[in-house]
Protein backbone atom coordinates (compact mmCIF):
# COMPACT_ATOMS: atom_id res chain seq x y z
CA UNK A 1 22.34 16.25 4.39
CA UNK A 2 21.14 12.66 4.96
CA UNK A 3 18.25 11.17 3.04
CA UNK A 4 15.82 8.64 4.51
CA UNK A 5 15.19 5.32 2.82
CA UNK A 6 12.68 2.61 3.70
CA UNK A 7 13.74 -1.03 3.95
CA UNK A 8 11.24 -3.89 4.03
CA UNK A 9 11.18 -7.72 4.15
CA UNK A 10 11.49 -9.05 0.59
CA UNK A 11 8.08 -9.94 -0.92
CA UNK A 12 6.15 -8.44 2.02
CA UNK A 13 3.13 -6.43 0.82
CA UNK A 14 1.61 -5.67 4.23
CA UNK A 15 3.77 -4.63 7.08
CA UNK A 16 6.02 -1.95 8.32
CA UNK A 17 9.60 -1.43 7.36
CA UNK A 18 12.39 0.52 8.95
CA UNK A 19 13.86 3.93 7.99
CA UNK A 20 17.58 4.38 7.69
CA UNK A 21 19.48 7.55 6.88
CA UNK A 22 22.43 7.68 4.53
CA UNK A 23 24.55 10.31 2.81
CA UNK A 24 25.03 9.50 -0.87
CA UNK A 25 23.93 6.18 -2.37
CA UNK A 26 22.21 3.83 0.13
CA UNK A 27 23.01 0.12 0.27
CA UNK A 28 20.42 -2.21 -1.29
CA UNK A 29 20.16 -4.35 1.85
CA UNK A 30 20.46 -3.74 5.63
CA UNK A 31 19.92 -5.90 8.68
CA UNK A 32 17.23 -5.16 11.24
CA UNK A 33 18.05 -5.48 14.99
CA UNK A 34 17.03 -9.19 14.86
CA UNK A 35 19.46 -9.92 12.08
CA UNK A 36 16.84 -10.26 9.36
CA UNK A 37 17.85 -8.97 5.87
CA UNK A 38 15.71 -6.02 4.68
CA UNK A 39 15.65 -4.69 1.14
CA UNK A 40 15.57 -1.08 -0.12
CA UNK A 41 11.99 -0.15 -1.10
CA UNK A 42 12.56 2.98 -3.19
CA UNK A 43 15.28 5.32 -4.37
CA UNK A 44 15.39 9.01 -5.18
CA UNK A 45 14.80 9.69 -8.83
CA UNK A 46 17.39 11.52 -10.86
CA UNK A 47 15.55 14.77 -10.38
CA UNK A 48 15.75 14.39 -6.57
CA UNK A 49 12.06 13.74 -5.96
CA UNK A 50 11.05 10.74 -3.90
CA UNK A 51 8.32 8.23 -4.33
CA UNK A 52 5.56 8.37 -1.71
CA UNK A 53 7.18 5.66 0.37
CA UNK A 54 4.65 3.96 2.59
CA UNK A 55 1.53 5.31 0.82
CA UNK A 56 0.84 2.15 -1.21
CA UNK A 57 -0.32 -0.39 -0.36
CA UNK A 58 -3.02 1.50 1.58
CA UNK A 59 -5.08 -0.06 4.38
CA UNK A 60 -8.61 1.12 5.24
CA UNK A 61 -10.58 0.18 8.35
CA UNK A 62 -13.56 2.30 7.29
CA UNK A 63 -14.01 0.54 3.96
CA UNK A 64 -13.31 -2.84 5.49
CA UNK A 65 -15.82 -5.43 6.57
CA UNK A 66 -16.55 -7.79 9.43
CA UNK A 67 -14.13 -10.73 9.41
CA UNK A 68 -17.01 -13.13 8.79
CA UNK A 69 -17.88 -11.23 5.56
CA UNK A 70 -14.43 -11.55 3.92
CA UNK A 71 -15.47 -14.47 1.69
CA UNK A 72 -18.50 -12.50 0.44
CA UNK A 73 -16.27 -9.51 -0.25
CA UNK A 74 -13.80 -11.69 -2.23
CA UNK A 75 -16.73 -13.00 -4.35
CA UNK A 76 -17.81 -9.42 -5.05
CA UNK A 77 -14.24 -8.57 -6.07
CA UNK A 78 -14.05 -11.51 -8.46
CA UNK A 79 -17.40 -10.61 -10.02
CA UNK A 80 -16.17 -7.07 -10.74
CA UNK A 81 -12.70 -8.17 -11.95
CA UNK A 82 -10.79 -6.76 -8.99
CA UNK A 83 -7.74 -8.84 -8.54
CA UNK A 84 -5.12 -8.37 -5.85
CA UNK A 85 -7.42 -7.03 -3.16
CA UNK A 86 -6.32 -8.23 0.26
CA UNK A 87 -8.26 -8.40 3.47
CA UNK A 88 -6.50 -8.50 6.86
CA UNK A 89 -7.78 -10.86 9.54
CA UNK A 90 -9.78 -8.08 11.18
CA UNK A 91 -11.56 -7.22 7.87
CA UNK A 92 -9.49 -4.18 6.88
CA UNK A 93 -9.16 -3.87 3.13
CA UNK A 94 -5.73 -3.36 1.47
CA UNK A 95 -5.43 -1.58 -1.91
CA UNK A 96 -2.32 -1.80 -4.10
CA UNK A 97 -2.53 1.48 -6.02
CA UNK A 98 -4.69 4.58 -6.48
CA UNK A 99 -6.37 2.95 -9.54
CA UNK A 100 -7.11 -0.21 -7.59
CA UNK A 101 -8.65 1.81 -4.79
CA UNK A 102 -10.77 3.86 -7.22
CA UNK A 103 -12.13 0.70 -8.99
CA UNK A 104 -12.78 -1.05 -5.61
CA UNK A 105 -14.72 1.92 -4.21
CA UNK A 106 -16.67 2.52 -7.43
CA UNK A 107 -17.75 -1.19 -7.51
CA UNK A 108 -19.43 -0.57 -4.15
CA UNK A 109 -20.97 2.80 -5.03
CA UNK A 110 -18.53 4.71 -2.79
CA UNK A 111 -16.57 7.91 -3.64
CA UNK A 112 -14.39 10.63 -2.14
CA UNK A 113 -16.28 13.78 -1.16
CA UNK A 114 -13.20 15.88 -1.90
CA UNK A 115 -11.99 13.79 -4.85
CA UNK A 116 -8.74 14.64 -6.54
CA UNK A 117 -6.97 13.20 -9.53
CA UNK A 118 -7.43 9.38 -9.71
CA UNK A 119 -9.92 9.34 -6.82
CA UNK A 120 -13.43 7.90 -7.21
CA UNK A 121 -15.93 10.70 -7.96
CA UNK A 122 -19.74 10.78 -7.51
CA UNK A 123 -21.61 9.70 -10.57
């Protein structure tokens, strides 16, 4: 049975990768159709479980802002000690991890209605 592995551009935080299927151990690099070298994003652990490939970083349009408000949002992030938050050109916000998302939402008084572990909860 083949396993799928995601390959991405080295150092790229935002963007899509490609999936490749391999039996056994996958190579650490592959070439995309344009000849660009892509790097393996995650491997199966020894127990056979996989990381949630493609879940993080997470992009949200709903929690984003108008493109003109991005500087104000960055000031708010600095004031609350939120480093690493990215904003796309259209104002969508990009979170790096579940904890980063939780802190970002809580700093704005937002929460998940059906919160689970590590999600922001109503206070």
